[in-house]
Amino acid sequence: MLDAAIALAERIGENSPIAVRMSRTLVREVGDLTEEQAWARNAELAVEVFSSGDAIEGATAFAEKRAPVWLSR
């Protein structure tokens, strides 16, 4: 089980740091929100992710068939 957890953590770690951070934020907050509020909060956080340089880098890296070099930390 530990090996599976480490593999999952490594896979998550390959993603944009800002995307991971915003996902964690949503998971922490969603328990206190209604479904409507949770969707609204998701949209707010998504704006931050999609307006970041990482969004452009991710799409560019995908198009160029290479690993992304994330800009956020």
Protein backbone atom coordinates (compact mmCIF):
# COMPACT_ATOMS: atom_id res chain seq x y z
CA MET A 1 0.00 0.00 0.00
CA LEU A 2 2.86 2.38 0.75
CA ASP A 3 4.25 1.85 -2.75
CA ALA A 4 0.86 2.75 -4.24
CA ALA A 5 0.65 5.90 -2.09
CA ILE A 6 4.14 6.97 -3.14
CA ALA A 7 3.32 6.33 -6.81
CA LEU A 8 0.15 8.42 -6.51
CA ALA A 9 2.04 11.25 -4.77
CA GLU A 10 4.66 11.24 -7.52
CA ARG A 11 1.94 11.35 -10.18
CA ILE A 12 0.24 14.28 -8.45
CA GLY A 13 3.61 16.00 -8.12
CA GLU A 14 4.03 15.99 -11.90
CA ASN A 15 1.12 18.43 -12.24
CA SER A 16 1.23 22.20 -12.10
CA PRO A 17 1.92 23.35 -8.54
CA ILE A 18 -0.79 26.01 -8.73
CA ALA A 19 -3.34 23.44 -9.95
CA VAL A 20 -2.45 21.08 -7.11
CA ARG A 21 -2.61 23.94 -4.59
CA MET A 22 -6.05 25.09 -5.81
CA SER A 23 -7.33 21.49 -5.79
CA ARG A 24 -6.21 21.07 -2.19
CA THR A 25 -7.87 24.38 -1.30
CA LEU A 26 -11.17 23.23 -2.78
CA VAL A 27 -11.02 19.86 -1.00
CA ARG A 28 -10.42 21.61 2.35
CA GLU A 29 -13.26 24.09 1.84
CA VAL A 30 -15.95 22.01 0.13
CA GLY A 31 -17.16 20.29 3.30
CA ASP A 32 -18.52 23.57 4.63
CA LEU A 33 -20.25 24.60 1.40
CA THR A 34 -23.53 23.80 -0.30
CA GLU A 35 -23.27 22.16 -3.71
CA GLU A 36 -24.03 25.49 -5.39
CA GLN A 37 -21.38 27.27 -3.33
CA ALA A 38 -18.85 24.50 -4.05
CA TRP A 39 -19.35 24.87 -7.82
CA ALA A 40 -18.98 28.64 -7.51
CA ARG A 41 -15.78 28.25 -5.48
CA ASN A 42 -14.48 25.74 -8.03
CA ALA A 43 -15.03 28.31 -10.78
CA GLU A 44 -13.17 30.98 -8.77
CA LEU A 45 -10.18 28.73 -8.22
CA ALA A 46 -10.20 27.57 -11.85
CA VAL A 47 -9.82 31.19 -12.99
CA GLU A 48 -6.60 31.40 -10.98
CA VAL A 49 -5.28 28.20 -12.54
CA PHE A 50 -6.28 28.99 -16.13
CA SER A 51 -4.95 32.54 -15.96
CA SER A 52 -1.54 31.34 -14.81
CA GLY A 53 1.52 30.85 -16.95
CA ASP A 54 1.29 27.17 -16.13
CA ALA A 55 -1.93 26.88 -18.15
CA ILE A 56 -0.12 28.12 -21.24
CA GLU A 57 2.92 25.97 -20.52
CA GLY A 58 0.76 22.87 -20.04
CA ALA A 59 -1.05 23.33 -23.35
CA THR A 60 2.18 24.17 -25.17
CA ALA A 61 4.01 21.17 -23.73
CA PHE A 62 1.12 18.89 -24.69
CA ALA A 63 1.09 20.23 -28.25
CA GLU A 64 4.86 19.84 -28.49
CA LYS A 65 4.70 16.34 -26.95
CA ARG A 66 7.12 17.16 -24.16
CA ALA A 67 7.04 17.34 -20.39
CA PRO A 68 5.94 20.72 -19.06
CA VAL A 69 8.29 23.02 -17.19
CA TRP A 70 6.01 24.57 -14.58
CA LEU A 71 6.45 28.25 -13.84
CA SER A 72 4.70 28.38 -10.47
CA ARG A 73 6.18 26.98 -7.30
